[in-house]
Amino acid sequence: MPTVRIRKATPDDADVLVTLIRQLAAYENLLDEARPDASRLRSQLDEDAQPRCEALIAETVETESEPVGFALFFANYSTFLTRFGIYLEDLFVRPTFRGKGVGFRLLRRVARVAAARGCERVDWAVLDWNTPAIDFYRQIGAEPLDEWTTMRLTGNAIQRLAEEGGRGEGGEHGKG
């Protein structure tokens, strides 16, 4: 197996990340939902972007480096702990490099970033059918949050809620 290094992504890596994001979407059978935009990602990876995301790229170190995986993450916050954490949006390793420690090394680097920043948690979601990933996450000490249901607003639902006047403004229910 070729030697693989993990490095911090820069805005110049946006095109590479978009290719890997599309490969992830194909693996997850969600290609019809994936619409990654390299120029938008490029600006969001900038050190001064607010909000911003960060990414790590796993690549071979041969004469022609080849991207083989990535981790993309951003800051989140726990009100219960009054501490920042990291939300790992995506962790992906190309199929031919799975089972060779690349995913572990990417996740370990994310954990090192979290530790260096004093984060209390690293959170992420995994598709229920992805048992190889779930097994891997359990092996490294991650615990499923079976009592939580992930919720999402998108597009028109965001706009409808944003435009509704007065409804639901009497109380808030959230999670820490």
Protein backbone atom coordinates (compact mmCIF):
# COMPACT_ATOMS: atom_id res chain seq x y z
CA MET A 1 0.00 0.00 0.00
CA PRO A 2 1.27 3.49 -0.80
CA THR A 3 2.21 5.76 2.09
CA VAL A 4 -0.61 8.10 3.07
CA ARG A 5 -0.25 11.44 4.81
CA ILE A 6 -2.91 13.57 6.48
CA ARG A 7 -2.75 17.32 5.96
CA LYS A 8 -4.90 20.35 6.64
CA ALA A 9 -6.93 21.38 3.61
CA THR A 10 -6.64 24.90 2.22
CA PRO A 11 -9.06 26.85 0.04
CA ASP A 12 -7.01 25.62 -2.94
CA ASP A 13 -8.21 22.08 -2.14
CA ALA A 14 -11.87 22.88 -2.79
CA ASP A 15 -11.99 21.08 -6.16
CA VAL A 16 -10.37 17.96 -4.67
CA LEU A 17 -12.84 18.02 -1.77
CA VAL A 18 -15.80 18.40 -4.13
CA THR A 19 -14.66 15.27 -6.00
CA LEU A 20 -14.38 13.35 -2.72
CA ILE A 21 -17.76 14.68 -1.54
CA ARG A 22 -19.36 13.34 -4.73
CA GLN A 23 -17.69 9.95 -4.14
CA LEU A 24 -19.08 9.96 -0.59
CA ALA A 25 -22.55 10.82 -1.89
CA ALA A 26 -22.37 7.94 -4.38
CA TYR A 27 -21.31 5.53 -1.60
CA GLU A 28 -24.22 6.71 0.58
CA ASN A 29 -26.68 6.43 -2.35
CA LEU A 30 -27.34 10.17 -2.02
CA LEU A 31 -25.79 11.45 -5.24
CA ASP A 32 -29.12 13.00 -6.26
CA GLU A 33 -28.95 15.20 -3.11
CA ALA A 34 -25.31 16.28 -3.44
CA ARG A 35 -24.71 19.73 -4.90
CA PRO A 36 -21.22 20.68 -3.66
CA ASP A 37 -19.97 24.03 -4.97
CA ALA A 38 -16.19 24.45 -5.17
CA SER A 39 -16.22 28.25 -5.10
CA ARG A 40 -18.48 28.37 -2.05
CA LEU A 41 -16.38 25.70 -0.30
CA ARG A 42 -13.22 27.60 -1.19
CA SER A 43 -14.50 30.71 0.60
CA GLN A 44 -15.77 28.69 3.61
CA LEU A 45 -12.37 27.04 4.07
CA ASP A 46 -10.69 30.44 4.33
CA GLU A 47 -9.15 31.09 7.77
CA ASP A 48 -11.11 34.37 8.07
CA ALA A 49 -14.50 33.02 6.95
CA GLN A 50 -17.34 33.33 9.48
CA PRO A 51 -18.82 30.83 9.78
CA ARG A 52 -16.15 28.53 8.46
CA CYS A 53 -15.45 24.87 8.02
CA GLU A 54 -12.18 23.00 8.18
CA ALA A 55 -11.04 19.86 6.44
CA LEU A 56 -8.27 17.32 6.48
CA ILE A 57 -7.17 15.46 3.37
CA ALA A 58 -5.62 12.01 3.29
CA GLU A 59 -3.40 11.58 0.24
CA THR A 60 -0.70 9.32 -1.07
CA VAL A 61 2.82 10.71 -0.99
CA GLU A 62 4.03 9.12 -4.20
CA THR A 63 5.33 11.22 -7.12
CA GLU A 64 1.75 12.11 -8.04
CA SER A 65 -0.15 12.56 -4.79
CA GLU A 66 -3.63 11.07 -4.92
CA PRO A 67 -6.43 12.10 -2.54
CA VAL A 68 -7.86 9.02 -0.81
CA GLY A 69 -10.08 10.50 1.89
CA PHE A 70 -11.13 13.52 3.90
CA ALA A 71 -12.70 14.76 7.11
CA LEU A 72 -14.72 17.99 7.12
CA PHE A 73 -15.70 19.60 10.41
CA PHE A 74 -16.73 22.84 12.12
CA ALA A 75 -17.31 24.22 15.60
CA ASN A 76 -20.49 23.51 17.53
CA TYR A 77 -21.49 24.49 21.04
CA SER A 78 -22.96 22.81 24.10
CA THR A 79 -25.06 25.03 26.33
CA PHE A 80 -25.10 22.30 28.99
CA LEU A 81 -21.29 22.31 29.14
CA THR A 82 -20.79 25.94 28.03
CA ARG A 83 -18.01 24.65 25.81
CA PHE A 84 -17.28 24.46 22.16
CA GLY A 85 -17.04 21.13 20.43
CA ILE A 86 -16.49 19.88 16.92
CA TYR A 87 -19.12 18.56 14.58
CA LEU A 88 -17.66 16.12 12.08
CA GLU A 89 -19.82 16.62 9.01
CA ASP A 90 -18.15 13.99 6.86
CA LEU A 91 -15.49 11.32 7.14
CA PHE A 92 -14.81 9.44 3.92
CA VAL A 93 -12.13 7.06 2.68
CA ARG A 94 -12.15 5.74 -0.86
CA PRO A 95 -13.06 2.02 -0.93
CA THR A 96 -9.62 0.77 -2.00
CA PHE A 97 -8.06 2.44 1.06
CA ARG A 98 -10.58 1.29 3.68
CA GLY A 99 -9.42 -1.05 6.41
CA LYS A 100 -5.88 0.30 6.18
CA GLY A 101 -6.01 2.82 9.03
CA VAL A 102 -6.73 5.93 6.95
CA GLY A 103 -10.12 6.60 8.55
CA PHE A 104 -8.64 6.07 12.00
CA ARG A 105 -5.83 8.53 11.26
CA LEU A 106 -8.28 11.16 9.97
CA LEU A 107 -10.47 10.78 13.04
CA ARG A 108 -7.46 10.87 15.35
CA ARG A 109 -6.38 14.19 13.78
CA VAL A 110 -9.88 15.60 14.34
CA ALA A 111 -9.64 14.44 17.97
CA ARG A 112 -6.26 16.16 18.29
CA VAL A 113 -7.76 19.41 16.98
CA ALA A 114 -10.60 19.04 19.50
CA ALA A 115 -8.19 18.36 22.38
CA ALA A 116 -5.96 21.29 21.44
CA ARG A 117 -8.99 23.60 21.46
CA GLY A 118 -10.30 22.34 24.78
CA CYS A 119 -13.40 20.81 23.21
CA GLU A 120 -15.48 18.52 25.39
CA ARG A 121 -17.12 16.60 22.52
CA VAL A 122 -16.84 15.54 18.91
CA ASP A 123 -20.24 14.76 17.42
CA TRP A 124 -21.26 13.25 14.09
CA ALA A 125 -24.01 11.26 12.44
CA VAL A 126 -23.77 7.95 10.61
CA LEU A 127 -26.35 6.29 8.40
CA ASP A 128 -28.12 3.42 10.18
CA TRP A 129 -27.23 0.93 7.42
CA ASN A 130 -23.50 1.73 7.53
CA THR A 131 -22.61 -1.02 9.99
CA PRO A 132 -18.88 -1.11 9.09
CA ALA A 133 -18.62 2.57 10.11
CA ILE A 134 -20.75 2.07 13.23
CA ASP A 135 -18.57 -0.87 14.31
CA PHE A 136 -15.43 1.20 13.70
CA TYR A 137 -16.79 4.13 15.72
CA ARG A 138 -17.71 1.86 18.63
CA GLN A 139 -14.20 0.34 18.58
CA ILE A 140 -12.63 3.78 19.10
CA GLY A 141 -14.95 4.57 22.02
CA ALA A 142 -17.76 6.52 20.36
CA GLU A 143 -21.22 6.02 21.82
CA PRO A 144 -24.48 6.16 19.86
CA LEU A 145 -27.04 8.69 21.09
CA ASP A 146 -30.04 6.41 20.68
CA GLU A 147 -32.31 8.70 22.69
CA TRP A 148 -31.88 11.59 20.23
CA THR A 149 -33.60 12.08 16.88
CA THR A 150 -31.82 14.22 14.30
CA MET A 151 -34.05 16.99 12.97
CA ARG A 152 -33.53 19.17 9.90
CA LEU A 153 -35.14 22.14 8.21
CA THR A 154 -34.30 22.76 4.55
CA GLY A 155 -35.08 25.30 1.84
CA ASN A 156 -38.77 26.15 1.80
CA ALA A 157 -39.31 24.97 5.37
CA ILE A 158 -36.64 27.43 6.57
CA GLN A 159 -38.26 30.24 4.62
CA ARG A 160 -41.77 29.41 5.91
CA LEU A 161 -40.58 29.34 9.50
CA ALA A 162 -38.55 32.54 9.07
CA GLU A 163 -41.57 34.34 7.65
CA GLU A 164 -44.17 33.14 10.15
CA GLY A 165 -45.08 35.95 12.51
CA GLY A 166 -45.58 35.31 16.19
CA ARG A 167 -46.12 31.54 16.18
CA GLY A 168 -44.08 29.60 18.69
CA GLU A 169 -42.32 32.63 20.09
CA GLY A 170 -43.60 32.03 23.62
CA GLY A 171 -41.14 29.28 24.57
CA GLU A 172 -38.05 27.52 23.36
CA HIS A 173 -37.15 23.85 23.53
CA GLY A 174 -33.60 22.89 22.70
CA LYS A 175 -30.81 20.56 23.53
CA GLY A 176 -27.49 21.16 25.18
